């Protein structure tokens, strides 16, 4: 399904809220109020979320240079997520350019996270 301005804004709002709640659950400290960057286990990470039915997450290319890990949080049931961490290098090797990211966002599928990443947790959040 192609995103438009409205669905993109709604997805971004969901992603920021869900990432904040997930960060709290795993003990990560949010670094900026308007970003999904956190400090977790002594590392700078980004938490990227995907709703049920979406099998990929996106990260800004410049963010990949700032973080030590990408945590993909994939919704498996309403407000329940599976989390995997992936190095920025592995993320970059597997990513494809987003059609709507204007050359600034790379997308990676859940399969890459589960096959090449590290399982972090399964958890529930209250939105």
C-alpha atoms as a PDB file:
ATOM      1  CA  UNK A   1       0.000   0.000   0.000  1.00  0.00           C
ATOM      2  CA  UNK A   2       1.361   3.415  -0.959  1.00  0.00           C
ATOM      3  CA  UNK A   3       1.538   6.081   1.715  1.00  0.00           C
ATOM      4  CA  UNK A   4       0.139   9.538   1.284  1.00  0.00           C
ATOM      5  CA  UNK A   5       0.678  12.607   3.448  1.00  0.00           C
ATOM      6  CA  UNK A   6      -2.135  11.698   5.862  1.00  0.00           C
ATOM      7  CA  UNK A   7      -1.236   8.015   6.319  1.00  0.00           C
ATOM      8  CA  UNK A   8       2.448   8.913   6.567  1.00  0.00           C
ATOM      9  CA  UNK A   9       1.782  11.450   9.322  1.00  0.00           C
ATOM     10  CA  UNK A  10      -0.381   8.955  11.211  1.00  0.00           C
ATOM     11  CA  UNK A  11       2.315   6.270  10.891  1.00  0.00           C
ATOM     12  CA  UNK A  12       4.986   8.690  12.125  1.00  0.00           C
ATOM     13  CA  UNK A  13       2.858   9.634  15.138  1.00  0.00           C
ATOM     14  CA  UNK A  14       2.228   5.959  15.964  1.00  0.00           C
ATOM     15  CA  UNK A  15       5.944   5.181  15.543  1.00  0.00           C
ATOM     16  CA  UNK A  16       7.128   7.925  17.886  1.00  0.00           C
ATOM     17  CA  UNK A  17       4.585   7.032  20.562  1.00  0.00           C
ATOM     18  CA  UNK A  18       5.195   3.271  20.316  1.00  0.00           C
ATOM     19  CA  UNK A  19       9.002   3.704  20.281  1.00  0.00           C
ATOM     20  CA  UNK A  20       8.815   5.851  23.419  1.00  0.00           C
ATOM     21  CA  UNK A  21       6.717   3.238  25.235  1.00  0.00           C
ATOM     22  CA  UNK A  22       8.964   0.406  24.045  1.00  0.00           C
ATOM     23  CA  UNK A  23      12.036   2.356  25.132  1.00  0.00           C
ATOM     24  CA  UNK A  24      10.559   2.787  28.605  1.00  0.00           C
ATOM     25  CA  UNK A  25       9.807  -0.956  28.816  1.00  0.00           C
ATOM     26  CA  UNK A  26      13.379  -1.980  27.949  1.00  0.00           C
ATOM     27  CA  UNK A  27      14.983   0.703  30.121  1.00  0.00           C
ATOM     28  CA  UNK A  28      16.204   2.977  27.318  1.00  0.00           C
ATOM     29  CA  UNK A  29      16.640   6.728  27.846  1.00  0.00           C
ATOM     30  CA  UNK A  30      15.180   8.935  25.101  1.00  0.00           C
ATOM     31  CA  UNK A  31      17.817  11.383  23.871  1.00  0.00           C
ATOM     32  CA  UNK A  32      15.574  13.885  22.039  1.00  0.00           C
ATOM     33  CA  UNK A  33      11.851  14.465  22.375  1.00  0.00           C
ATOM     34  CA  UNK A  34      11.338  14.625  18.594  1.00  0.00           C
ATOM     35  CA  UNK A  35      13.451  11.600  17.658  1.00  0.00           C
ATOM     36  CA  UNK A  36      13.433   7.822  18.120  1.00  0.00           C
ATOM     37  CA  UNK A  37      17.035   7.875  19.369  1.00  0.00           C
ATOM     38  CA  UNK A  38      17.778   6.386  22.763  1.00  0.00           C
ATOM     39  CA  UNK A  39      20.648   5.348  24.994  1.00  0.00           C
ATOM     40  CA  UNK A  40      20.318   1.660  25.785  1.00  0.00           C
ATOM     41  CA  UNK A  41      22.888  -0.617  27.394  1.00  0.00           C
ATOM     42  CA  UNK A  42      25.529   2.079  26.927  1.00  0.00           C
ATOM     43  CA  UNK A  43      24.828   2.431  23.198  1.00  0.00           C
ATOM     44  CA  UNK A  44      23.085   5.011  21.066  1.00  0.00           C
ATOM     45  CA  UNK A  45      20.205   3.186  19.334  1.00  0.00           C
ATOM     46  CA  UNK A  46      17.121   3.960  17.316  1.00  0.00           C
ATOM     47  CA  UNK A  47      13.847   2.117  17.859  1.00  0.00           C
ATOM     48  CA  UNK A  48      11.833   1.691  14.666  1.00  0.00           C
ATOM     49  CA  UNK A  49       8.321   0.255  14.723  1.00  0.00           C
ATOM     50  CA  UNK A  50       6.122  -1.565  12.222  1.00  0.00           C
ATOM     51  CA  UNK A  51       2.428  -2.237  12.708  1.00  0.00           C
ATOM     52  CA  UNK A  52       0.800  -5.593  12.035  1.00  0.00           C
ATOM     53  CA  UNK A  53       0.764  -6.272   8.322  1.00  0.00           C
ATOM     54  CA  UNK A  54       3.881  -4.189   7.725  1.00  0.00           C
ATOM     55  CA  UNK A  55       7.046  -6.254   7.492  1.00  0.00           C
ATOM     56  CA  UNK A  56       9.622  -3.461   7.246  1.00  0.00           C
ATOM     57  CA  UNK A  57      10.989  -0.459   9.102  1.00  0.00           C
ATOM     58  CA  UNK A  58      12.673   2.680   7.816  1.00  0.00           C
ATOM     59  CA  UNK A  59      15.664   4.637   9.088  1.00  0.00           C
ATOM     60  CA  UNK A  60      17.008   7.972   7.875  1.00  0.00           C
ATOM     61  CA  UNK A  61      20.408   7.506   6.223  1.00  0.00           C
ATOM     62  CA  UNK A  62      22.045  10.159   8.409  1.00  0.00           C
ATOM     63  CA  UNK A  63      20.706   8.459  11.550  1.00  0.00           C
ATOM     64  CA  UNK A  64      22.471   5.227  10.572  1.00  0.00           C
ATOM     65  CA  UNK A  65      25.778   7.094  10.976  1.00  0.00           C
ATOM     66  CA  UNK A  66      24.871   8.209  14.526  1.00  0.00           C
ATOM     67  CA  UNK A  67      23.629   4.969  16.089  1.00  0.00           C
ATOM     68  CA  UNK A  68      25.346   1.777  17.159  1.00  0.00           C
ATOM     69  CA  UNK A  69      22.239  -0.374  16.730  1.00  0.00           C
ATOM     70  CA  UNK A  70      18.830  -0.349  15.062  1.00  0.00           C
ATOM     71  CA  UNK A  71      16.068  -1.979  17.101  1.00  0.00           C
ATOM     72  CA  UNK A  72      13.229  -3.170  14.897  1.00  0.00           C
ATOM     73  CA  UNK A  73       9.964  -3.515  16.829  1.00  0.00           C
ATOM     74  CA  UNK A  74       7.424  -5.518  14.828  1.00  0.00           C
ATOM     75  CA  UNK A  75       3.816  -5.654  16.027  1.00  0.00           C
ATOM     76  CA  UNK A  76       2.646  -9.286  16.194  1.00  0.00           C
ATOM     77  CA  UNK A  77      -0.691  -8.611  17.924  1.00  0.00           C
ATOM     78  CA  UNK A  78      -2.373  -5.380  19.013  1.00  0.00           C
ATOM     79  CA  UNK A  79       0.212  -3.495  21.100  1.00  0.00           C
ATOM     80  CA  UNK A  80       2.483  -6.576  21.302  1.00  0.00           C
ATOM     81  CA  UNK A  81       5.896  -6.390  19.669  1.00  0.00           C
ATOM     82  CA  UNK A  82       8.863  -8.602  18.847  1.00  0.00           C
ATOM     83  CA  UNK A  83      12.135  -6.690  19.098  1.00  0.00           C
ATOM     84  CA  UNK A  84      15.358  -7.457  17.238  1.00  0.00           C
ATOM     85  CA  UNK A  85      18.587  -5.456  17.108  1.00  0.00           C
ATOM     86  CA  UNK A  86      20.682  -5.069  13.981  1.00  0.00           C
ATOM     87  CA  UNK A  87      23.993  -3.300  13.400  1.00  0.00           C
ATOM     88  CA  UNK A  88      23.874  -0.201  11.180  1.00  0.00           C
ATOM     89  CA  UNK A  89      26.295  -1.933   8.784  1.00  0.00           C
ATOM     90  CA  UNK A  90      24.038  -4.964   8.352  1.00  0.00           C
ATOM     91  CA  UNK A  91      21.024  -2.656   8.051  1.00  0.00           C
ATOM     92  CA  UNK A  92      22.732  -0.676   5.305  1.00  0.00           C
ATOM     93  CA  UNK A  93      23.767  -3.818   3.396  1.00  0.00           C
ATOM     94  CA  UNK A  94      20.152  -5.057   3.351  1.00  0.00           C
ATOM     95  CA  UNK A  95      18.239  -1.802   2.840  1.00  0.00           C
ATOM     96  CA  UNK A  96      16.423  -0.507  -0.184  1.00  0.00           C
ATOM     97  CA  UNK A  97      15.521   3.098  -0.806  1.00  0.00           C
ATOM     98  CA  UNK A  98      12.039   4.144   0.293  1.00  0.00           C
ATOM     99  CA  UNK A  99       9.720   5.327  -2.474  1.00  0.00           C
ATOM    100  CA  UNK A 100       8.361   8.067  -0.235  1.00  0.00           C
ATOM    101  CA  UNK A 101      11.550   8.955   1.661  1.00  0.00           C
ATOM    102  CA  UNK A 102      12.896  11.275  -1.067  1.00  0.00           C
ATOM    103  CA  UNK A 103      16.287   9.530  -1.072  1.00  0.00           C
ATOM    104  CA  UNK A 104      16.705   9.896   2.702  1.00  0.00           C
ATOM    105  CA  UNK A 105      15.157   6.708   4.124  1.00  0.00           C
ATOM    106  CA  UNK A 106      16.286   3.104   3.811  1.00  0.00           C
ATOM    107  CA  UNK A 107      13.870   0.226   4.430  1.00  0.00           C
ATOM    108  CA  UNK A 108      14.724  -3.224   5.809  1.00  0.00           C
ATOM    109  CA  UNK A 109      12.411  -6.210   6.163  1.00  0.00           C
ATOM    110  CA  UNK A 110      11.708  -8.105   9.380  1.00  0.00           C
ATOM    111  CA  UNK A 111      13.233 -11.226   7.856  1.00  0.00           C
ATOM    112  CA  UNK A 112      16.667  -9.541   7.892  1.00  0.00           C
ATOM    113  CA  UNK A 113      16.261  -8.611  11.555  1.00  0.00           C
ATOM    114  CA  UNK A 114      15.211 -12.137  12.534  1.00  0.00           C
ATOM    115  CA  UNK A 115      17.879 -13.882  10.416  1.00  0.00           C
ATOM    116  CA  UNK A 116      20.879 -11.583  10.893  1.00  0.00           C
ATOM    117  CA  UNK A 117      20.008  -9.635  14.026  1.00  0.00           C
ATOM    118  CA  UNK A 118      19.738 -10.458  17.695  1.00  0.00           C
ATOM    119  CA  UNK A 119      16.415 -11.164  19.421  1.00  0.00           C
ATOM    120  CA  UNK A 120      15.818  -8.600  22.187  1.00  0.00           C
ATOM    121  CA  UNK A 121      12.370  -9.279  23.654  1.00  0.00           C
ATOM    122  CA  UNK A 122       8.675  -9.753  23.128  1.00  0.00           C
ATOM    123  CA  UNK A 123       6.657  -7.156  25.018  1.00  0.00           C
ATOM    124  CA  UNK A 124       3.300  -5.437  25.264  1.00  0.00           C
ATOM    125  CA  UNK A 125       2.713  -1.708  25.464  1.00  0.00           C
ATOM    126  CA  UNK A 126      -0.331   0.364  26.309  1.00  0.00           C
ATOM    127  CA  UNK A 127      -0.692   3.096  23.679  1.00  0.00           C
END
